């Protein structure tokens, strides 16, 4: 029986005793499905390829912990999901930092990444302000966080709607509402910060809700 015909469980057992051809066979068998899964979540082909490789490397490193070798593919999907989540956390932080001014002001069909980067450099945003904005964005509803992240990456309203599985009008309304809330908080935060006070986004939201 060649490697392509061996069951997953058998390949796993062979990998655990150092059979590299078995690992290559497992990669060849399952990497296309893992790639399709990952690229559907991050929409970046190059990074998706890297995450597929990372998934297999992490799986190989921890293969001895797998209790049911016949379910190795499902196990690798869970590893891939963790890596995808880490990728999104990384880009949320990067984009929130780069787009401090633009997150309030960008409207229209597409947010131009070059403008975002230029604005961030021009205003030389201090670490305290970036940290405060990031903390505020992370307290928005998950859907609004995702939409904002996609727009800062230059995605159109249509693309954002497709990714989030909502209508374009919902995208426009939710983005507008999120940016208005962030802008209002930013103005209040600046005033509080000038007086040496620390205004949390959650505290601001609570006060707005009572007013």
N, C-alpha and C. Protein backbone atom coordinates (compact mmCIF):
# COMPACT_ATOMS: atom_id res chain seq x y z
N UNK A 1 0.85 -1.19 0.00
CA UNK A 1 0.00 0.00 0.00
C UNK A 1 0.89 1.24 0.00
N UNK A 2 0.66 2.16 -0.97
CA UNK A 2 1.47 3.37 -1.00
C UNK A 2 0.92 4.41 -0.01
N UNK A 3 1.70 5.51 0.16
CA UNK A 3 1.32 6.52 1.15
C UNK A 3 -0.04 7.13 0.86
N UNK A 4 -0.36 7.29 -0.42
CA UNK A 4 -1.62 7.91 -0.77
C UNK A 4 -2.82 7.07 -0.40
N UNK A 5 -2.62 5.77 -0.17
CA UNK A 5 -3.72 4.88 0.16
C UNK A 5 -3.82 4.58 1.65
N UNK A 6 -2.79 4.93 2.39
CA UNK A 6 -2.80 4.64 3.82
C UNK A 6 -3.78 5.53 4.56
N UNK A 7 -4.54 5.00 5.50
CA UNK A 7 -5.48 5.81 6.29
C UNK A 7 -4.73 6.87 7.10
N UNK A 8 -5.44 7.92 7.47
CA UNK A 8 -4.83 8.99 8.26
C UNK A 8 -4.21 8.46 9.55
N UNK A 9 -4.92 7.56 10.21
CA UNK A 9 -4.41 7.05 11.49
C UNK A 9 -3.07 6.35 11.31
N UNK A 10 -2.92 5.63 10.21
CA UNK A 10 -1.65 4.95 9.94
C UNK A 10 -0.55 5.95 9.65
N UNK A 11 -0.87 6.99 8.90
CA UNK A 11 0.12 8.03 8.62
C UNK A 11 0.57 8.70 9.92
N UNK A 12 -0.37 8.97 10.80
CA UNK A 12 -0.03 9.59 12.08
C UNK A 12 0.93 8.70 12.86
N UNK A 13 0.64 7.42 12.93
CA UNK A 13 1.52 6.49 13.66
C UNK A 13 2.91 6.46 13.05
N UNK A 14 3.00 6.51 11.74
CA UNK A 14 4.30 6.49 11.07
C UNK A 14 5.07 7.80 11.31
N UNK A 15 4.34 8.92 11.32
CA UNK A 15 4.99 10.21 11.59
C UNK A 15 5.60 10.20 12.99
N UNK A 16 4.88 9.61 13.94
CA UNK A 16 5.34 9.60 15.33
C UNK A 16 6.62 8.79 15.52
N UNK A 17 6.90 7.90 14.59
CA UNK A 17 8.16 7.14 14.70
C UNK A 17 9.21 7.69 13.73
N UNK A 18 8.94 8.88 13.19
CA UNK A 18 9.96 9.58 12.41
C UNK A 18 9.90 9.39 10.91
N UNK A 19 8.80 8.93 10.39
CA UNK A 19 8.66 8.71 8.95
C UNK A 19 8.27 10.02 8.25
N UNK A 20 9.23 10.67 7.62
CA UNK A 20 8.98 11.96 6.97
C UNK A 20 8.11 11.80 5.72
N UNK A 21 8.20 10.66 5.06
CA UNK A 21 7.36 10.46 3.87
C UNK A 21 5.89 10.41 4.26
N UNK A 22 5.61 9.91 5.45
CA UNK A 22 4.23 9.87 5.92
C UNK A 22 3.73 11.29 6.18
N UNK A 23 4.60 12.14 6.73
CA UNK A 23 4.23 13.53 6.96
C UNK A 23 3.96 14.24 5.63
N UNK A 24 4.82 13.99 4.64
CA UNK A 24 4.62 14.58 3.32
C UNK A 24 3.29 14.12 2.71
N UNK A 25 2.97 12.84 2.92
CA UNK A 25 1.70 12.31 2.39
C UNK A 25 0.50 12.96 3.07
N UNK A 26 0.59 13.18 4.38
CA UNK A 26 -0.50 13.83 5.10
C UNK A 26 -0.66 15.27 4.63
N UNK A 27 0.46 15.94 4.39
CA UNK A 27 0.42 17.32 3.91
C UNK A 27 -0.23 17.38 2.52
N UNK A 28 0.19 16.50 1.64
CA UNK A 28 -0.35 16.49 0.28
C UNK A 28 -1.84 16.19 0.29
N UNK A 29 -2.28 15.34 1.19
CA UNK A 29 -3.68 14.94 1.24
C UNK A 29 -4.59 16.05 1.77
N UNK A 30 -4.15 16.75 2.79
CA UNK A 30 -5.05 17.67 3.49
C UNK A 30 -4.74 19.15 3.34
N UNK A 31 -3.58 19.51 2.83
CA UNK A 31 -3.26 20.94 2.73
C UNK A 31 -4.22 21.71 1.82
N UNK A 32 -4.72 21.14 0.71
CA UNK A 32 -5.66 21.91 -0.12
C UNK A 32 -6.93 22.30 0.64
N UNK A 33 -7.49 21.37 1.44
CA UNK A 33 -8.71 21.68 2.19
C UNK A 33 -8.43 22.72 3.27
N UNK A 34 -7.31 22.60 3.93
CA UNK A 34 -6.96 23.57 4.96
C UNK A 34 -6.72 24.95 4.35
N UNK A 35 -6.11 24.97 3.18
CA UNK A 35 -5.87 26.24 2.50
C UNK A 35 -7.20 26.91 2.14
N UNK A 36 -8.13 26.16 1.58
CA UNK A 36 -9.43 26.73 1.21
C UNK A 36 -10.15 27.28 2.44
N UNK A 37 -10.04 26.55 3.54
CA UNK A 37 -10.68 27.00 4.78
C UNK A 37 -10.05 28.32 5.25
N UNK A 38 -8.72 28.37 5.30
CA UNK A 38 -8.04 29.55 5.83
C UNK A 38 -8.23 30.76 4.94
N UNK A 39 -8.08 30.58 3.62
CA UNK A 39 -8.19 31.74 2.73
C UNK A 39 -9.62 32.29 2.72
N UNK A 40 -10.59 31.47 3.04
CA UNK A 40 -11.98 31.97 3.13
C UNK A 40 -12.17 32.85 4.36
N UNK A 41 -11.28 32.69 5.34
CA UNK A 41 -11.39 33.45 6.58
C UNK A 41 -10.56 34.73 6.57
N UNK A 42 -9.46 34.76 5.81
CA UNK A 42 -8.58 35.94 5.88
C UNK A 42 -8.43 36.66 4.55
N UNK A 43 -8.82 36.03 3.44
CA UNK A 43 -8.79 36.69 2.13
C UNK A 43 -7.40 37.23 1.79
N UNK A 44 -6.37 36.48 2.13
CA UNK A 44 -4.99 36.86 1.80
C UNK A 44 -4.25 35.57 1.45
N UNK A 45 -4.01 35.36 0.16
CA UNK A 45 -3.49 34.08 -0.31
C UNK A 45 -2.09 33.77 0.24
N UNK A 46 -1.24 34.79 0.26
CA UNK A 46 0.13 34.55 0.74
C UNK A 46 0.13 34.17 2.21
N UNK A 47 -0.61 34.94 3.02
CA UNK A 47 -0.68 34.62 4.45
C UNK A 47 -1.37 33.28 4.68
N UNK A 48 -2.36 32.97 3.84
CA UNK A 48 -3.06 31.69 3.98
C UNK A 48 -2.09 30.52 3.77
N UNK A 49 -1.22 30.65 2.79
CA UNK A 49 -0.22 29.61 2.54
C UNK A 49 0.70 29.44 3.74
N UNK A 50 1.10 30.56 4.33
CA UNK A 50 1.97 30.49 5.51
C UNK A 50 1.25 29.86 6.69
N UNK A 51 -0.03 30.17 6.83
CA UNK A 51 -0.79 29.60 7.95
C UNK A 51 -1.03 28.11 7.76
N UNK A 52 -1.17 27.66 6.52
CA UNK A 52 -1.27 26.22 6.27
C UNK A 52 0.01 25.53 6.74
N UNK A 53 1.15 26.09 6.36
CA UNK A 53 2.43 25.51 6.78
C UNK A 53 2.57 25.53 8.30
N UNK A 54 2.16 26.65 8.91
CA UNK A 54 2.22 26.75 10.37
C UNK A 54 1.32 25.72 11.04
N UNK A 55 0.16 25.48 10.41
CA UNK A 55 -0.77 24.48 10.96
C UNK A 55 -0.13 23.10 10.99
N UNK A 56 0.52 22.73 9.89
CA UNK A 56 1.16 21.41 9.84
C UNK A 56 2.35 21.32 10.78
N UNK A 57 3.12 22.39 10.89
CA UNK A 57 4.27 22.37 11.80
C UNK A 57 3.82 22.24 13.25
N UNK A 58 2.77 22.98 13.60
CA UNK A 58 2.26 22.91 14.97
C UNK A 58 1.65 21.53 15.23
N UNK A 59 0.95 21.00 14.23
CA UNK A 59 0.37 19.66 14.37
C UNK A 59 1.46 18.62 14.57
N UNK A 60 2.52 18.72 13.81
CA UNK A 60 3.62 17.76 13.93
C UNK A 60 4.26 17.84 15.31
N UNK A 61 4.41 19.07 15.81
CA UNK A 61 5.04 19.28 17.11
C UNK A 61 4.22 18.66 18.25
N UNK A 62 2.89 18.70 18.09
CA UNK A 62 2.02 18.24 19.18
C UNK A 62 1.27 16.95 18.82
N UNK A 63 1.73 16.27 17.80
CA UNK A 63 1.01 15.09 17.31
C UNK A 63 0.89 14.01 18.38
N UNK A 64 1.87 13.96 19.28
CA UNK A 64 1.86 12.94 20.32
C UNK A 64 0.70 13.12 21.30
N UNK A 65 0.07 14.30 21.27
CA UNK A 65 -1.05 14.55 22.19
C UNK A 65 -2.40 14.15 21.58
N UNK A 66 -2.41 13.82 20.31
CA UNK A 66 -3.66 13.49 19.62
C UNK A 66 -4.16 12.12 20.09
N UNK A 67 -5.36 12.12 20.67
CA UNK A 67 -5.91 10.89 21.23
C UNK A 67 -6.55 10.00 20.17
N UNK A 68 -7.09 10.61 19.11
CA UNK A 68 -7.78 9.83 18.07
C UNK A 68 -7.13 10.13 16.72
N UNK A 69 -6.11 9.39 16.34
CA UNK A 69 -5.36 9.66 15.10
C UNK A 69 -6.23 9.71 13.85
N UNK A 70 -7.34 8.97 13.86
CA UNK A 70 -8.21 8.95 12.67
C UNK A 70 -8.92 10.29 12.48
N UNK A 71 -8.90 11.14 13.50
CA UNK A 71 -9.54 12.46 13.42
C UNK A 71 -8.51 13.57 13.29
N UNK A 72 -7.37 13.25 12.70
CA UNK A 72 -6.29 14.24 12.60
C UNK A 72 -6.71 15.47 11.80
N UNK A 73 -7.54 15.29 10.77
CA UNK A 73 -7.94 16.45 9.97
C UNK A 73 -8.78 17.42 10.80
N UNK A 74 -9.76 16.91 11.52
CA UNK A 74 -10.57 17.78 12.38
C UNK A 74 -9.70 18.51 13.39
N UNK A 75 -8.72 17.81 13.92
CA UNK A 75 -7.79 18.39 14.89
C UNK A 75 -7.00 19.52 14.24
N UNK A 76 -6.56 19.31 13.01
CA UNK A 76 -5.80 20.36 12.32
C UNK A 76 -6.68 21.55 11.96
N UNK A 77 -7.95 21.31 11.70
CA UNK A 77 -8.87 22.43 11.47
C UNK A 77 -8.96 23.30 12.73
N UNK A 78 -8.95 22.68 13.89
CA UNK A 78 -9.01 23.46 15.13
C UNK A 78 -7.72 24.26 15.32
N UNK A 79 -6.58 23.68 14.95
CA UNK A 79 -5.31 24.41 15.01
C UNK A 79 -5.34 25.59 14.05
N UNK A 80 -5.82 25.34 12.83
CA UNK A 80 -5.91 26.40 11.82
C UNK A 80 -6.82 27.53 12.30
N UNK A 81 -7.92 27.18 12.96
CA UNK A 81 -8.84 28.20 13.47
C UNK A 81 -8.16 29.08 14.50
N UNK A 82 -7.34 28.49 15.35
CA UNK A 82 -6.60 29.26 16.35
C UNK A 82 -5.61 30.21 15.68
N UNK A 83 -4.95 29.73 14.65
CA UNK A 83 -3.98 30.57 13.94
C UNK A 83 -4.68 31.70 13.19
N UNK A 84 -5.83 31.42 12.63
CA UNK A 84 -6.62 32.47 11.95
C UNK A 84 -7.04 33.54 12.95
N UNK A 85 -7.48 33.11 14.14
CA UNK A 85 -7.87 34.07 15.18
C UNK A 85 -6.69 34.94 15.56
N UNK A 86 -5.51 34.34 15.67
CA UNK A 86 -4.31 35.11 15.98
C UNK A 86 -3.96 36.09 14.88
N UNK A 87 -4.16 35.69 13.64
CA UNK A 87 -3.92 36.58 12.49
C UNK A 87 -4.83 37.79 12.56
N UNK A 88 -6.10 37.58 12.88
CA UNK A 88 -7.04 38.70 12.96
C UNK A 88 -6.70 39.63 14.12
N UNK A 89 -6.29 39.07 15.25
CA UNK A 89 -5.90 39.92 16.38
C UNK A 89 -4.71 40.79 16.02
N UNK A 90 -3.76 40.21 15.31
CA UNK A 90 -2.58 40.96 14.90
C UNK A 90 -2.95 42.12 13.99
N UNK A 91 -3.82 41.88 13.00
CA UNK A 91 -4.17 42.92 12.05
C UNK A 91 -5.10 43.96 12.64
N UNK A 92 -5.92 43.55 13.60
CA UNK A 92 -6.76 44.54 14.29
C UNK A 92 -5.88 45.57 14.99
N UNK A 93 -4.84 45.10 15.67
CA UNK A 93 -3.96 46.00 16.39
C UNK A 93 -3.19 46.90 15.43
N UNK A 94 -2.68 46.31 14.36
CA UNK A 94 -1.92 47.08 13.37
C UNK A 94 -2.79 48.14 12.73
N UNK A 95 -3.99 47.75 12.29
CA UNK A 95 -4.83 48.69 11.55
C UNK A 95 -5.43 49.76 12.46
N UNK A 96 -5.72 49.39 13.70
CA UNK A 96 -6.24 50.39 14.62
C UNK A 96 -5.18 51.45 14.90
N UNK A 97 -3.92 51.04 14.97
CA UNK A 97 -2.83 51.98 15.20
C UNK A 97 -2.60 52.86 13.99
N UNK A 98 -2.58 52.29 12.80
CA UNK A 98 -2.27 53.05 11.59
C UNK A 98 -3.40 53.99 11.21
N UNK A 99 -4.62 53.64 11.59
CA UNK A 99 -5.76 54.40 11.10
C UNK A 99 -6.43 55.27 12.13
N UNK A 100 -5.69 55.81 13.10
CA UNK A 100 -6.32 56.54 14.19
C UNK A 100 -7.20 57.68 13.70
N UNK A 101 -6.67 58.55 12.85
CA UNK A 101 -7.45 59.66 12.34
C UNK A 101 -8.49 59.16 11.33
N UNK A 102 -8.06 58.27 10.44
CA UNK A 102 -8.92 57.84 9.35
C UNK A 102 -10.11 57.02 9.84
N UNK A 103 -10.00 56.37 10.97
CA UNK A 103 -11.10 55.56 11.46
C UNK A 103 -12.33 56.42 11.72
N UNK A 104 -12.13 57.69 12.01
CA UNK A 104 -13.26 58.59 12.20
C UNK A 104 -13.74 59.19 10.88
N UNK A 105 -12.82 59.48 9.98
CA UNK A 105 -13.12 60.35 8.85
C UNK A 105 -13.40 59.63 7.54
N UNK A 106 -12.91 58.41 7.38
CA UNK A 106 -13.04 57.73 6.10
C UNK A 106 -14.49 57.38 5.80
N UNK A 107 -14.97 57.85 4.67
CA UNK A 107 -16.30 57.49 4.19
C UNK A 107 -16.17 57.09 2.73
N UNK A 108 -17.30 56.81 2.10
CA UNK A 108 -17.25 56.47 0.69
C UNK A 108 -17.05 54.98 0.48
N UNK A 109 -16.81 54.60 -0.75
CA UNK A 109 -16.79 53.19 -1.11
C UNK A 109 -15.56 52.47 -0.62
N UNK A 110 -14.39 53.11 -0.65
CA UNK A 110 -13.16 52.43 -0.28
C UNK A 110 -12.31 53.34 0.58
N UNK A 111 -11.72 52.79 1.63
CA UNK A 111 -10.74 53.53 2.42
C UNK A 111 -9.35 53.24 1.87
N UNK A 112 -8.65 54.27 1.43
CA UNK A 112 -7.34 54.07 0.78
C UNK A 112 -6.26 53.82 1.83
N UNK A 113 -5.62 52.65 1.82
CA UNK A 113 -4.59 52.37 2.82
C UNK A 113 -3.45 53.37 2.81
N UNK A 114 -3.06 53.89 1.65
CA UNK A 114 -1.96 54.85 1.59
C UNK A 114 -2.28 56.10 2.40
N UNK A 115 -3.51 56.55 2.34
CA UNK A 115 -3.93 57.73 3.10
C UNK A 115 -3.85 57.44 4.59
N UNK A 116 -4.28 56.25 4.97
CA UNK A 116 -4.26 55.87 6.37
C UNK A 116 -2.85 55.92 6.92
N UNK A 117 -1.91 55.34 6.17
CA UNK A 117 -0.53 55.30 6.64
C UNK A 117 0.05 56.70 6.68
N UNK A 118 -0.22 57.50 5.70
CA UNK A 118 0.31 58.85 5.64
C UNK A 118 -0.21 59.67 6.82
N UNK A 119 -1.48 59.55 7.09
CA UNK A 119 -2.05 60.30 8.20
C UNK A 119 -1.41 59.91 9.52
N UNK A 120 -1.21 58.62 9.72
CA UNK A 120 -0.61 58.17 10.97
C UNK A 120 0.79 58.73 11.14
N UNK A 121 1.57 58.74 10.06
CA UNK A 121 2.93 59.29 10.14
C UNK A 121 2.90 60.79 10.37
N UNK A 122 2.04 61.48 9.66
CA UNK A 122 2.00 62.94 9.74
C UNK A 122 1.69 63.41 11.16
N UNK A 123 0.77 62.75 11.81
CA UNK A 123 0.35 63.19 13.15
C UNK A 123 1.17 62.54 14.27
N UNK A 124 2.04 61.61 13.91
CA UNK A 124 2.93 60.97 14.89
C UNK A 124 2.19 60.64 16.19
N UNK A 125 1.19 59.78 16.04
CA UNK A 125 0.31 59.49 17.16
C UNK A 125 1.08 58.87 18.33
N UNK A 126 0.93 59.43 19.50
CA UNK A 126 1.63 58.94 20.67
C UNK A 126 1.05 57.60 21.14
N UNK A 127 1.87 56.87 21.84
CA UNK A 127 1.50 55.52 22.26
C UNK A 127 0.24 55.51 23.11
N UNK A 128 0.09 56.47 23.99
CA UNK A 128 -1.07 56.50 24.87
C UNK A 128 -2.36 56.60 24.08
N UNK A 129 -2.38 57.45 23.07
CA UNK A 129 -3.58 57.63 22.26
C UNK A 129 -3.90 56.38 21.46
N UNK A 130 -2.87 55.77 20.87
CA UNK A 130 -3.08 54.54 20.10
C UNK A 130 -3.66 53.44 20.98
N UNK A 131 -3.08 53.32 22.19
CA UNK A 131 -3.56 52.29 23.10
C UNK A 131 -5.01 52.51 23.48
N UNK A 132 -5.36 53.76 23.74
CA UNK A 132 -6.73 54.09 24.12
C UNK A 132 -7.70 53.77 22.98
N UNK A 133 -7.32 54.11 21.74
CA UNK A 133 -8.19 53.84 20.61
C UNK A 133 -8.38 52.35 20.40
N UNK A 134 -7.28 51.60 20.49
CA UNK A 134 -7.36 50.16 20.31
C UNK A 134 -8.30 49.55 21.35
N UNK A 135 -8.17 49.98 22.59
CA UNK A 135 -9.04 49.47 23.64
C UNK A 135 -10.50 49.80 23.34
N UNK A 136 -10.75 51.01 22.79
CA UNK A 136 -12.12 51.41 22.46
C UNK A 136 -12.67 50.54 21.33
N UNK A 137 -11.89 50.34 20.28
CA UNK A 137 -12.35 49.54 19.14
C UNK A 137 -12.68 48.12 19.58
N UNK A 138 -11.88 47.57 20.49
CA UNK A 138 -12.10 46.19 20.93
C UNK A 138 -13.37 46.05 21.77
N UNK A 139 -13.95 47.17 22.18
CA UNK A 139 -15.20 47.13 22.95
C UNK A 139 -16.43 47.36 22.07
N UNK A 140 -16.21 47.60 20.78
CA UNK A 140 -17.34 47.67 19.85
C UNK A 140 -17.93 46.28 19.66
N UNK A 141 -19.17 46.19 19.21
CA UNK A 141 -19.73 44.87 18.86
C UNK A 141 -18.83 44.17 17.83
N UNK A 142 -18.77 42.86 17.90
CA UNK A 142 -17.87 42.09 17.06
C UNK A 142 -18.08 42.38 15.57
N UNK A 143 -19.33 42.51 15.16
CA UNK A 143 -19.62 42.76 13.75
C UNK A 143 -19.04 44.11 13.31
N UNK A 144 -19.16 45.12 14.15
CA UNK A 144 -18.64 46.44 13.81
C UNK A 144 -17.11 46.43 13.79
N UNK A 145 -16.50 45.68 14.70
CA UNK A 145 -15.05 45.54 14.67
C UNK A 145 -14.60 44.94 13.34
N UNK A 146 -15.28 43.89 12.91
CA UNK A 146 -14.92 43.22 11.67
C UNK A 146 -15.09 44.15 10.47
N UNK A 147 -16.21 44.88 10.43
CA UNK A 147 -16.46 45.79 9.32
C UNK A 147 -15.40 46.90 9.27
N UNK A 148 -15.08 47.44 10.43
CA UNK A 148 -14.09 48.51 10.50
C UNK A 148 -12.72 48.02 10.05
N UNK A 149 -12.37 46.83 10.48
CA UNK A 149 -11.09 46.23 10.09
C UNK A 149 -11.03 46.05 8.57
N UNK A 150 -12.10 45.57 7.98
CA UNK A 150 -12.14 45.34 6.53
C UNK A 150 -12.06 46.65 5.76
N UNK A 151 -12.75 47.69 6.24
CA UNK A 151 -12.70 48.97 5.53
C UNK A 151 -11.31 49.58 5.60
N UNK A 152 -10.65 49.45 6.74
CA UNK A 152 -9.30 49.97 6.87
C UNK A 152 -8.30 49.21 5.98
N UNK A 153 -8.68 48.00 5.57
CA UNK A 153 -7.86 47.24 4.63
C UNK A 153 -8.22 47.55 3.19
N UNK A 154 -9.12 48.52 2.99
CA UNK A 154 -9.44 48.96 1.63
C UNK A 154 -10.57 48.23 0.97
N UNK A 155 -11.36 47.46 1.74
CA UNK A 155 -12.47 46.71 1.16
C UNK A 155 -13.66 47.63 0.91
N UNK A 156 -14.36 47.41 -0.18
CA UNK A 156 -15.54 48.19 -0.52
C UNK A 156 -16.71 47.76 0.36
N UNK A 157 -17.77 48.59 0.35
CA UNK A 157 -18.97 48.24 1.09
C UNK A 157 -19.52 46.88 0.62
N UNK A 158 -19.46 46.66 -0.69
CA UNK A 158 -19.98 45.41 -1.24
C UNK A 158 -19.20 44.21 -0.73
N UNK A 159 -17.87 44.32 -0.73
CA UNK A 159 -17.02 43.23 -0.25
C UNK A 159 -17.25 42.99 1.24
N UNK A 160 -17.38 44.08 2.00
CA UNK A 160 -17.62 43.93 3.43
C UNK A 160 -18.96 43.23 3.67
N UNK A 161 -19.96 43.62 2.90
CA UNK A 161 -21.29 43.00 3.03
C UNK A 161 -21.22 41.50 2.73
N UNK A 162 -20.48 41.14 1.69
CA UNK A 162 -20.33 39.73 1.34
C UNK A 162 -19.65 38.96 2.46
N UNK A 163 -18.56 39.54 2.98
CA UNK A 163 -17.81 38.85 4.02
C UNK A 163 -18.63 38.69 5.30
N UNK A 164 -19.37 39.74 5.66
CA UNK A 164 -20.14 39.72 6.91
C UNK A 164 -21.53 39.12 6.75
N UNK A 165 -21.90 38.81 5.49
CA UNK A 165 -23.20 38.20 5.19
C UNK A 165 -24.36 39.08 5.64
N UNK A 166 -24.25 40.36 5.30
CA UNK A 166 -25.33 41.32 5.57
C UNK A 166 -25.51 42.17 4.31
N UNK A 167 -26.50 43.06 4.32
CA UNK A 167 -26.72 43.94 3.18
C UNK A 167 -25.75 45.11 3.21
N UNK A 168 -25.58 45.76 2.06
CA UNK A 168 -24.71 46.93 1.97
C UNK A 168 -25.23 48.05 2.87
N UNK A 169 -26.54 48.21 2.95
CA UNK A 169 -27.11 49.26 3.79
C UNK A 169 -26.79 49.03 5.27
N UNK A 170 -26.77 47.76 5.67
CA UNK A 170 -26.40 47.44 7.05
C UNK A 170 -24.94 47.81 7.30
N UNK A 171 -24.09 47.51 6.33
CA UNK A 171 -22.67 47.87 6.46
C UNK A 171 -22.52 49.37 6.65
N UNK A 172 -23.16 50.15 5.78
CA UNK A 172 -23.05 51.61 5.85
C UNK A 172 -23.55 52.13 7.19
N UNK A 173 -24.69 51.63 7.63
CA UNK A 173 -25.27 52.10 8.87
C UNK A 173 -24.41 51.74 10.08
N UNK A 174 -23.91 50.49 10.11
CA UNK A 174 -23.14 50.05 11.26
C UNK A 174 -21.79 50.76 11.31
N UNK A 175 -21.16 50.94 10.14
CA UNK A 175 -19.87 51.65 10.12
C UNK A 175 -20.04 53.11 10.53
N UNK A 176 -21.08 53.75 10.01
CA UNK A 176 -21.33 55.15 10.35
C UNK A 176 -21.57 55.30 11.86
N UNK A 177 -22.35 54.39 12.42
CA UNK A 177 -22.65 54.45 13.85
C UNK A 177 -21.39 54.22 14.68
N UNK A 178 -20.58 53.24 14.28
CA UNK A 178 -19.37 52.94 15.04
C UNK A 178 -18.39 54.11 15.01
N UNK A 179 -18.23 54.72 13.83
CA UNK A 179 -17.27 55.83 13.72
C UNK A 179 -17.75 57.08 14.43
N UNK A 180 -19.05 57.32 14.42
CA UNK A 180 -19.58 58.46 15.16
C UNK A 180 -19.36 58.28 16.65
N UNK A 181 -19.57 57.06 17.13
CA UNK A 181 -19.37 56.77 18.54
C UNK A 181 -17.89 56.91 18.91
N UNK A 182 -17.01 56.40 18.08
CA UNK A 182 -15.57 56.52 18.35
C UNK A 182 -15.12 57.97 18.30
N UNK A 183 -15.65 58.73 17.36
CA UNK A 183 -15.27 60.14 17.24
C UNK A 183 -15.72 60.92 18.46
N UNK A 184 -16.96 60.68 18.89
CA UNK A 184 -17.46 61.37 20.08
C UNK A 184 -16.64 61.00 21.30
N UNK A 185 -16.31 59.73 21.43
CA UNK A 185 -15.45 59.30 22.55
C UNK A 185 -14.08 59.93 22.45
N UNK A 186 -13.51 60.00 21.23
CA UNK A 186 -12.18 60.56 21.05
C UNK A 186 -12.10 62.01 21.50
N UNK A 187 -13.12 62.79 21.17
CA UNK A 187 -13.15 64.20 21.57
C UNK A 187 -13.21 64.32 23.10
N UNK A 188 -14.07 63.51 23.70
CA UNK A 188 -14.21 63.53 25.16
C UNK A 188 -12.95 63.03 25.84
N UNK A 189 -12.34 61.99 25.25
CA UNK A 189 -11.11 61.43 25.81
C UNK A 189 -9.98 62.45 25.78
N UNK A 190 -9.87 63.20 24.67
CA UNK A 190 -8.82 64.22 24.56
C UNK A 190 -8.97 65.25 25.68
N UNK A 191 -10.21 65.69 25.92
CA UNK A 191 -10.45 66.69 26.95
C UNK A 191 -10.12 66.13 28.34
N UNK A 192 -10.53 64.90 28.58
CA UNK A 192 -10.24 64.28 29.88
C UNK A 192 -8.74 64.07 30.06
N UNK A 193 -8.09 63.64 28.99
CA UNK A 193 -6.65 63.39 29.07
C UNK A 193 -5.87 64.67 29.35
N UNK A 194 -6.34 65.79 28.79
CA UNK A 194 -5.67 67.08 29.02
C UNK A 194 -5.74 67.48 30.49
N UNK A 195 -6.74 66.97 31.20
CA UNK A 195 -6.89 67.26 32.62
C UNK A 195 -6.27 66.18 33.49
N UNK A 196 -5.57 65.24 32.84
CA UNK A 196 -4.93 64.17 33.60
C UNK A 196 -5.87 63.06 34.00
N UNK A 197 -7.03 62.98 33.35
CA UNK A 197 -8.01 61.95 33.67
C UNK A 197 -7.97 60.84 32.62
N UNK A 198 -8.38 59.66 33.01
CA UNK A 198 -8.43 58.52 32.08
C UNK A 198 -9.87 58.12 31.86
N UNK A 199 -10.38 58.36 30.66
CA UNK A 199 -11.77 58.03 30.34
C UNK A 199 -11.82 56.75 29.52
N UNK A 200 -12.37 55.70 30.11
CA UNK A 200 -12.53 54.43 29.41
C UNK A 200 -13.71 54.52 28.45
N UNK A 201 -13.61 53.80 27.34
CA UNK A 201 -14.69 53.79 26.35
C UNK A 201 -15.97 53.25 26.96
N UNK A 202 -15.85 52.22 27.81
CA UNK A 202 -17.04 51.63 28.44
C UNK A 202 -17.72 52.64 29.35
N UNK A 203 -16.92 53.44 30.05
CA UNK A 203 -17.48 54.47 30.93
C UNK A 203 -18.19 55.53 30.11
N UNK A 204 -17.58 55.91 28.99
CA UNK A 204 -18.19 56.90 28.09
C UNK A 204 -19.52 56.38 27.55
N UNK A 205 -19.55 55.12 27.13
CA UNK A 205 -20.78 54.53 26.60
C UNK A 205 -21.88 54.50 27.65
N UNK A 206 -21.49 54.19 28.87
CA UNK A 206 -22.48 54.12 29.94
C UNK A 206 -23.09 55.50 30.20
N UNK A 207 -22.25 56.52 30.20
CA UNK A 207 -22.75 57.88 30.43
C UNK A 207 -23.65 58.33 29.27
N UNK A 208 -23.26 57.98 28.05
CA UNK A 208 -24.07 58.36 26.89
C UNK A 208 -25.42 57.66 26.94
N UNK A 209 -25.41 56.42 27.41
CA UNK A 209 -26.65 55.67 27.48
C UNK A 209 -27.63 56.24 28.47
N UNK A 210 -27.11 56.87 29.52
CA UNK A 210 -27.97 57.44 30.56
C UNK A 210 -28.44 58.84 30.20
N UNK A 211 -27.72 59.48 29.24
CA UNK A 211 -28.06 60.87 28.89
C UNK A 211 -29.20 60.93 27.88
